[in-house]
Amino acid sequence: MNARHATVSLAVAMSLAAAGCGGSDEKQKTSEAGSTPAQAVVEIGSVRDALDAGVAALAGGDRQKADDTIAEGYVEHFEKVEGPLEKVDHELKEELEETLSTKIRGKIKDGGSVDEVRKMVEEAKGDLATAEAKLKQS
């Protein structure tokens, strides 16, 4: 396991642990609470870019890079969407969180095909578009 993968994996695990315990991590609270709906919309664009880059890495045969890229997009960008999205659609936030942090990455790790992962990414991007529209209206 290379250092970058270990760092990304640790960051994802820590953020999921903090989310699972009610967000007791002060840094996470500040990050989520500090984002505005407009900032969250910008971050959604970065999440989309990470998803696309992950699919491209997978299509290029680099499963590890695909996983790392999607994990980084979740940790670095989607976490800034969570607070504002929670306020407008809790269920959508929960669904996106699980899809981005667990389902897509699990499919990559389990040897899913590029087409299977691409389909999941396209569905997630549809949900991100819904989130974006809701955030713009808030």
N, C-alpha and C. Protein backbone atom coordinates (compact mmCIF):
# COMPACT_ATOMS: atom_id res chain seq x y z
N MET A 1 0.86 -1.17 0.00
CA MET A 1 0.00 0.00 0.00
C MET A 1 0.90 1.23 0.00
N ASN A 2 0.70 2.14 -0.95
CA ASN A 2 1.53 3.31 -0.98
C ASN A 2 1.05 4.36 0.01
N ALA A 3 1.88 5.35 0.27
CA ALA A 3 1.57 6.36 1.29
C ALA A 3 0.31 7.15 0.94
N ARG A 4 0.13 7.49 -0.30
CA ARG A 4 -1.05 8.27 -0.70
C ARG A 4 -2.33 7.48 -0.43
N HIS A 5 -2.32 6.20 -0.81
CA HIS A 5 -3.49 5.36 -0.58
C HIS A 5 -3.78 5.25 0.92
N ALA A 6 -2.74 5.06 1.70
CA ALA A 6 -2.92 4.94 3.15
C ALA A 6 -3.49 6.22 3.72
N THR A 7 -3.00 7.36 3.26
CA THR A 7 -3.49 8.65 3.75
C THR A 7 -4.95 8.87 3.37
N VAL A 8 -5.30 8.60 2.13
CA VAL A 8 -6.69 8.77 1.69
C VAL A 8 -7.60 7.80 2.44
N SER A 9 -7.17 6.56 2.58
CA SER A 9 -7.98 5.57 3.29
C SER A 9 -8.19 5.98 4.74
N LEU A 10 -7.14 6.47 5.38
CA LEU A 10 -7.25 6.92 6.76
C LEU A 10 -8.19 8.11 6.87
N ALA A 11 -8.09 9.05 5.95
CA ALA A 11 -8.96 10.23 5.98
C ALA A 11 -10.42 9.83 5.80
N VAL A 12 -10.69 8.91 4.90
CA VAL A 12 -12.06 8.44 4.68
C VAL A 12 -12.56 7.73 5.92
N ALA A 13 -11.75 6.86 6.48
CA ALA A 13 -12.17 6.12 7.68
C ALA A 13 -12.44 7.08 8.84
N MET A 14 -11.60 8.08 9.01
CA MET A 14 -11.80 9.04 10.10
C MET A 14 -13.06 9.86 9.88
N SER A 15 -13.31 10.27 8.67
CA SER A 15 -14.51 11.08 8.41
C SER A 15 -15.77 10.25 8.59
N LEU A 16 -15.74 8.98 8.17
CA LEU A 16 -16.89 8.11 8.36
C LEU A 16 -17.11 7.82 9.85
N ALA A 17 -16.04 7.63 10.59
CA ALA A 17 -16.17 7.39 12.02
C ALA A 17 -16.77 8.61 12.71
N ALA A 18 -16.32 9.79 12.33
CA ALA A 18 -16.86 11.02 12.92
C ALA A 18 -18.33 11.19 12.56
N ALA A 19 -18.68 10.87 11.33
CA ALA A 19 -20.09 10.98 10.92
C ALA A 19 -20.94 9.98 11.67
N GLY A 20 -20.41 8.80 11.91
CA GLY A 20 -21.15 7.76 12.60
C GLY A 20 -21.36 8.04 14.08
N CYS A 21 -20.53 8.88 14.66
CA CYS A 21 -20.69 9.16 16.09
C CYS A 21 -21.32 10.52 16.31
N GLY A 22 -22.10 10.96 15.38
CA GLY A 22 -22.85 12.19 15.56
C GLY A 22 -22.07 13.45 15.26
N GLY A 23 -20.93 13.31 14.58
CA GLY A 23 -20.18 14.49 14.17
C GLY A 23 -19.47 15.17 15.33
N SER A 24 -18.93 14.42 16.28
CA SER A 24 -18.28 15.02 17.42
C SER A 24 -16.94 15.65 17.05
N ASP A 25 -16.42 15.38 15.92
CA ASP A 25 -15.17 15.95 15.47
C ASP A 25 -15.40 17.43 15.16
N GLU A 26 -14.74 18.31 15.91
CA GLU A 26 -14.96 19.75 15.76
C GLU A 26 -14.57 20.25 14.38
N LYS A 27 -13.51 19.71 13.79
CA LYS A 27 -13.10 20.14 12.45
C LYS A 27 -14.20 19.83 11.44
N GLN A 28 -14.82 18.66 11.56
CA GLN A 28 -15.90 18.29 10.63
C GLN A 28 -17.08 19.23 10.81
N LYS A 29 -17.44 19.53 12.06
CA LYS A 29 -18.56 20.44 12.31
C LYS A 29 -18.31 21.79 11.67
N THR A 30 -17.11 22.31 11.85
CA THR A 30 -16.77 23.61 11.28
C THR A 30 -16.85 23.57 9.77
N SER A 31 -16.31 22.51 9.16
CA SER A 31 -16.31 22.38 7.72
C SER A 31 -17.74 22.32 7.18
N GLU A 32 -18.56 21.47 7.79
CA GLU A 32 -19.93 21.32 7.32
C GLU A 32 -20.75 22.57 7.60
N ALA A 33 -20.62 23.10 8.82
CA ALA A 33 -21.42 24.25 9.20
C ALA A 33 -20.95 25.51 8.47
N GLY A 34 -19.67 25.55 8.09
CA GLY A 34 -19.12 26.74 7.48
C GLY A 34 -19.43 26.89 6.00
N SER A 35 -19.91 25.86 5.36
CA SER A 35 -20.20 25.93 3.93
C SER A 35 -21.56 26.57 3.71
N THR A 36 -21.62 27.42 2.72
CA THR A 36 -22.90 28.00 2.31
C THR A 36 -23.46 27.16 1.18
N PRO A 37 -24.74 27.31 0.89
CA PRO A 37 -25.29 26.59 -0.27
C PRO A 37 -24.52 26.89 -1.56
N ALA A 38 -24.12 28.14 -1.75
CA ALA A 38 -23.37 28.51 -2.97
C ALA A 38 -22.02 27.80 -3.01
N GLN A 39 -21.34 27.72 -1.87
CA GLN A 39 -20.06 27.02 -1.83
C GLN A 39 -20.27 25.53 -2.07
N ALA A 40 -21.35 24.98 -1.54
CA ALA A 40 -21.65 23.57 -1.73
C ALA A 40 -21.86 23.26 -3.21
N VAL A 41 -22.50 24.16 -3.92
CA VAL A 41 -22.72 23.97 -5.36
C VAL A 41 -21.38 23.88 -6.08
N VAL A 42 -20.44 24.73 -5.72
CA VAL A 42 -19.10 24.69 -6.32
C VAL A 42 -18.43 23.35 -6.02
N GLU A 43 -18.56 22.89 -4.78
CA GLU A 43 -17.96 21.62 -4.39
C GLU A 43 -18.58 20.44 -5.14
N ILE A 44 -19.86 20.53 -5.44
CA ILE A 44 -20.50 19.46 -6.22
C ILE A 44 -19.82 19.32 -7.57
N GLY A 45 -19.43 20.43 -8.17
CA GLY A 45 -18.69 20.36 -9.43
C GLY A 45 -17.38 19.60 -9.28
N SER A 46 -16.71 19.81 -8.16
CA SER A 46 -15.45 19.10 -7.90
C SER A 46 -15.69 17.62 -7.64
N VAL A 47 -16.81 17.29 -7.00
CA VAL A 47 -17.16 15.88 -6.78
C VAL A 47 -17.38 15.20 -8.13
N ARG A 48 -18.11 15.87 -9.02
CA ARG A 48 -18.33 15.32 -10.37
C ARG A 48 -17.01 15.08 -11.09
N ASP A 49 -16.11 16.06 -10.98
CA ASP A 49 -14.80 15.91 -11.64
C ASP A 49 -14.05 14.70 -11.10
N ALA A 50 -14.12 14.49 -9.77
CA ALA A 50 -13.44 13.35 -9.16
C ALA A 50 -14.07 12.04 -9.63
N LEU A 51 -15.37 12.00 -9.73
CA LEU A 51 -16.04 10.79 -10.22
C LEU A 51 -15.61 10.48 -11.66
N ASP A 52 -15.60 11.51 -12.50
CA ASP A 52 -15.18 11.31 -13.89
C ASP A 52 -13.72 10.85 -13.97
N ALA A 53 -12.87 11.45 -13.15
CA ALA A 53 -11.45 11.07 -13.15
C ALA A 53 -11.28 9.64 -12.63
N GLY A 54 -12.09 9.25 -11.67
CA GLY A 54 -12.04 7.88 -11.17
C GLY A 54 -12.44 6.88 -12.23
N VAL A 55 -13.49 7.17 -12.97
CA VAL A 55 -13.91 6.28 -14.06
C VAL A 55 -12.82 6.21 -15.13
N ALA A 56 -12.22 7.35 -15.44
CA ALA A 56 -11.15 7.37 -16.44
C ALA A 56 -9.96 6.52 -15.98
N ALA A 57 -9.61 6.62 -14.71
CA ALA A 57 -8.50 5.81 -14.18
C ALA A 57 -8.84 4.32 -14.27
N LEU A 58 -10.07 3.98 -13.94
CA LEU A 58 -10.49 2.59 -14.02
C LEU A 58 -10.46 2.10 -15.47
N ALA A 59 -10.94 2.93 -16.38
CA ALA A 59 -10.92 2.57 -17.80
C ALA A 59 -9.49 2.40 -18.30
N GLY A 60 -8.57 3.13 -17.69
CA GLY A 60 -7.16 3.01 -18.05
C GLY A 60 -6.46 1.84 -17.35
N GLY A 61 -7.20 1.09 -16.55
CA GLY A 61 -6.64 -0.09 -15.92
C GLY A 61 -6.06 0.13 -14.53
N ASP A 62 -6.22 1.33 -13.98
CA ASP A 62 -5.64 1.62 -12.66
C ASP A 62 -6.74 1.66 -11.60
N ARG A 63 -7.10 0.50 -11.12
CA ARG A 63 -8.17 0.35 -10.14
C ARG A 63 -7.85 1.11 -8.85
N GLN A 64 -6.60 1.06 -8.39
CA GLN A 64 -6.21 1.74 -7.16
C GLN A 64 -6.36 3.26 -7.30
N LYS A 65 -5.91 3.78 -8.44
CA LYS A 65 -6.03 5.23 -8.66
C LYS A 65 -7.50 5.62 -8.73
N ALA A 66 -8.33 4.80 -9.33
CA ALA A 66 -9.76 5.08 -9.40
C ALA A 66 -10.34 5.19 -8.01
N ASP A 67 -10.02 4.23 -7.15
CA ASP A 67 -10.51 4.24 -5.77
C ASP A 67 -9.99 5.46 -5.02
N ASP A 68 -8.71 5.73 -5.12
CA ASP A 68 -8.11 6.88 -4.43
C ASP A 68 -8.73 8.20 -4.89
N THR A 69 -8.96 8.33 -6.18
CA THR A 69 -9.50 9.57 -6.73
C THR A 69 -10.92 9.82 -6.23
N ILE A 70 -11.73 8.79 -6.22
CA ILE A 70 -13.11 8.93 -5.74
C ILE A 70 -13.13 9.17 -4.24
N ALA A 71 -12.26 8.50 -3.50
CA ALA A 71 -12.17 8.73 -2.05
C ALA A 71 -11.77 10.16 -1.76
N GLU A 72 -10.81 10.67 -2.50
CA GLU A 72 -10.35 12.04 -2.31
C GLU A 72 -11.47 13.04 -2.65
N GLY A 73 -12.22 12.77 -3.69
CA GLY A 73 -13.34 13.64 -4.04
C GLY A 73 -14.38 13.69 -2.94
N TYR A 74 -14.60 12.55 -2.31
CA TYR A 74 -15.54 12.50 -1.19
C TYR A 74 -15.02 13.31 -0.01
N VAL A 75 -13.79 13.01 0.41
CA VAL A 75 -13.23 13.64 1.60
C VAL A 75 -13.00 15.14 1.39
N GLU A 76 -12.44 15.50 0.26
CA GLU A 76 -12.06 16.90 0.03
C GLU A 76 -13.23 17.79 -0.41
N HIS A 77 -14.24 17.20 -1.02
CA HIS A 77 -15.29 18.04 -1.60
C HIS A 77 -16.70 17.72 -1.09
N PHE A 78 -17.09 16.46 -1.09
CA PHE A 78 -18.47 16.18 -0.70
C PHE A 78 -18.72 16.53 0.76
N GLU A 79 -17.73 16.38 1.60
CA GLU A 79 -17.93 16.73 3.01
C GLU A 79 -18.32 18.20 3.18
N LYS A 80 -17.94 19.05 2.25
CA LYS A 80 -18.31 20.46 2.31
C LYS A 80 -19.73 20.69 1.80
N VAL A 81 -20.30 19.68 1.18
CA VAL A 81 -21.68 19.73 0.68
C VAL A 81 -22.65 19.25 1.76
N GLU A 82 -22.18 18.36 2.62
CA GLU A 82 -23.06 17.69 3.57
C GLU A 82 -23.88 18.62 4.45
N GLY A 83 -23.26 19.62 5.06
CA GLY A 83 -23.97 20.52 5.97
C GLY A 83 -25.12 21.25 5.29
N PRO A 84 -24.84 21.98 4.21
CA PRO A 84 -25.94 22.68 3.52
C PRO A 84 -26.99 21.73 2.95
N LEU A 85 -26.58 20.58 2.43
CA LEU A 85 -27.54 19.64 1.86
C LEU A 85 -28.39 19.01 2.96
N GLU A 86 -27.82 18.76 4.10
CA GLU A 86 -28.56 18.22 5.24
C GLU A 86 -29.76 19.11 5.57
N LYS A 87 -29.57 20.40 5.45
CA LYS A 87 -30.63 21.36 5.78
C LYS A 87 -31.78 21.35 4.78
N VAL A 88 -31.50 20.97 3.54
CA VAL A 88 -32.57 21.00 2.53
C VAL A 88 -33.11 19.62 2.16
N ASP A 89 -32.29 18.55 2.34
CA ASP A 89 -32.77 17.20 2.01
C ASP A 89 -31.88 16.17 2.70
N HIS A 90 -32.28 15.81 3.91
CA HIS A 90 -31.51 14.87 4.72
C HIS A 90 -31.35 13.52 4.00
N GLU A 91 -32.43 12.99 3.44
CA GLU A 91 -32.38 11.68 2.80
C GLU A 91 -31.45 11.66 1.60
N LEU A 92 -31.48 12.70 0.79
CA LEU A 92 -30.59 12.79 -0.37
C LEU A 92 -29.13 12.86 0.09
N LYS A 93 -28.88 13.62 1.14
CA LYS A 93 -27.53 13.71 1.68
C LYS A 93 -27.03 12.34 2.12
N GLU A 94 -27.87 11.61 2.85
CA GLU A 94 -27.51 10.27 3.32
C GLU A 94 -27.25 9.32 2.15
N GLU A 95 -28.11 9.37 1.16
CA GLU A 95 -27.96 8.49 -0.01
C GLU A 95 -26.66 8.78 -0.76
N LEU A 96 -26.38 10.06 -1.00
CA LEU A 96 -25.16 10.43 -1.70
C LEU A 96 -23.93 10.05 -0.88
N GLU A 97 -24.00 10.29 0.40
CA GLU A 97 -22.88 9.97 1.27
C GLU A 97 -22.53 8.47 1.17
N GLU A 98 -23.54 7.62 1.25
CA GLU A 98 -23.30 6.18 1.17
C GLU A 98 -22.81 5.76 -0.22
N THR A 99 -23.41 6.34 -1.25
CA THR A 99 -23.02 5.99 -2.62
C THR A 99 -21.57 6.37 -2.88
N LEU A 100 -21.19 7.59 -2.50
CA LEU A 100 -19.85 8.09 -2.79
C LEU A 100 -18.78 7.46 -1.90
N SER A 101 -19.09 7.26 -0.64
CA SER A 101 -18.07 6.76 0.28
C SER A 101 -17.97 5.25 0.30
N THR A 102 -19.04 4.55 -0.07
CA THR A 102 -19.05 3.10 0.10
C THR A 102 -19.38 2.33 -1.17
N LYS A 103 -20.51 2.61 -1.77
CA LYS A 103 -21.00 1.77 -2.87
C LYS A 103 -20.11 1.79 -4.10
N ILE A 104 -19.79 2.96 -4.60
CA ILE A 104 -18.96 3.04 -5.81
C ILE A 104 -17.57 2.48 -5.54
N ARG A 105 -16.99 2.87 -4.43
CA ARG A 105 -15.65 2.39 -4.08
C ARG A 105 -15.67 0.88 -3.87
N GLY A 106 -16.73 0.36 -3.26
CA GLY A 106 -16.85 -1.08 -3.07
C GLY A 106 -16.90 -1.82 -4.39
N LYS A 107 -17.63 -1.25 -5.35
CA LYS A 107 -17.72 -1.88 -6.68
C LYS A 107 -16.34 -1.91 -7.34
N ILE A 108 -15.59 -0.84 -7.19
CA ILE A 108 -14.24 -0.79 -7.76
C ILE A 108 -13.36 -1.84 -7.10
N LYS A 109 -13.39 -1.89 -5.77
CA LYS A 109 -12.55 -2.83 -5.02
C LYS A 109 -12.93 -4.28 -5.29
N ASP A 110 -14.21 -4.52 -5.54
CA ASP A 110 -14.69 -5.89 -5.78
C ASP A 110 -14.49 -6.34 -7.23
N GLY A 111 -13.83 -5.52 -8.04
CA GLY A 111 -13.54 -5.91 -9.41
C GLY A 111 -14.63 -5.59 -10.41
N GLY A 112 -15.52 -4.67 -10.05
CA GLY A 112 -16.59 -4.28 -10.97
C GLY A 112 -16.04 -3.77 -12.28
N SER A 113 -16.80 -3.98 -13.34
CA SER A 113 -16.36 -3.54 -14.67
C SER A 113 -16.48 -2.02 -14.78
N VAL A 114 -15.81 -1.49 -15.78
CA VAL A 114 -15.89 -0.06 -16.05
C VAL A 114 -17.34 0.35 -16.30
N ASP A 115 -18.07 -0.47 -17.05
CA ASP A 115 -19.47 -0.14 -17.33
C ASP A 115 -20.33 -0.13 -16.07
N GLU A 116 -20.09 -1.09 -15.17
CA GLU A 116 -20.85 -1.12 -13.91
C GLU A 116 -20.56 0.12 -13.07
N VAL A 117 -19.30 0.47 -12.97
CA VAL A 117 -18.91 1.64 -12.18
C VAL A 117 -19.43 2.91 -12.85
N ARG A 118 -19.30 2.98 -14.16
CA ARG A 118 -19.78 4.16 -14.89
C ARG A 118 -21.29 4.35 -14.66
N LYS A 119 -22.04 3.27 -14.67
CA LYS A 119 -23.49 3.37 -14.44
C LYS A 119 -23.76 3.92 -13.03
N MET A 120 -23.05 3.43 -12.05
CA MET A 120 -23.23 3.93 -10.68
C MET A 120 -22.86 5.40 -10.59
N VAL A 121 -21.79 5.78 -11.25
CA VAL A 121 -21.34 7.18 -11.25
C VAL A 121 -22.39 8.07 -11.91
N GLU A 122 -22.94 7.63 -13.02
CA GLU A 122 -23.97 8.43 -13.70
C GLU A 122 -25.20 8.61 -12.81
N GLU A 123 -25.59 7.58 -12.09
CA GLU A 123 -26.71 7.69 -11.16
C GLU A 123 -26.38 8.67 -10.03
N ALA A 124 -25.16 8.59 -9.52
CA ALA A 124 -24.73 9.51 -8.47
C ALA A 124 -24.70 10.95 -8.99
N LYS A 125 -24.27 11.12 -10.23
CA LYS A 125 -24.24 12.47 -10.81
C LYS A 125 -25.66 13.02 -10.99
N GLY A 126 -26.62 12.15 -11.27
CA GLY A 126 -28.01 12.58 -11.31
C GLY A 126 -28.47 13.08 -9.95
N ASP A 127 -28.11 12.34 -8.90
CA ASP A 127 -28.44 12.78 -7.54
C ASP A 127 -27.71 14.07 -7.18
N LEU A 128 -26.47 14.21 -7.64
CA LEU A 128 -25.74 15.46 -7.40
C LEU A 128 -26.41 16.64 -8.09
N ALA A 129 -26.97 16.41 -9.28
CA ALA A 129 -27.70 17.46 -9.99
C ALA A 129 -28.94 17.87 -9.20
N THR A 130 -29.63 16.88 -8.62
CA THR A 130 -30.81 17.18 -7.78
C THR A 130 -30.37 17.99 -6.57
N ALA A 131 -29.29 17.58 -5.94
CA ALA A 131 -28.76 18.30 -4.78
C ALA A 131 -28.40 19.73 -5.15
N GLU A 132 -27.76 19.89 -6.27
CA GLU A 132 -27.36 21.21 -6.75
C GLU A 132 -28.59 22.10 -6.94
N ALA A 133 -29.61 21.57 -7.57
CA ALA A 133 -30.84 22.35 -7.78
C ALA A 133 -31.48 22.75 -6.46
N LYS A 134 -31.52 21.84 -5.52
CA LYS A 134 -32.12 22.13 -4.21
C LYS A 134 -31.30 23.17 -3.45
N LEU A 135 -29.99 23.07 -3.55
CA LEU A 135 -29.13 24.05 -2.87
C LEU A 135 -29.28 25.45 -3.50
N LYS A 136 -29.45 25.50 -4.80
CA LYS A 136 -29.62 26.79 -5.48
C LYS A 136 -30.93 27.46 -5.08
N GLN A 137 -31.93 26.65 -4.73
CA GLN A 137 -33.25 27.17 -4.34
C GLN A 137 -33.27 27.58 -2.86
N SER A 138 -32.30 27.12 -2.08
CA SER A 138 -32.34 27.41 -0.65
C SER A 138 -31.78 28.78 -0.31
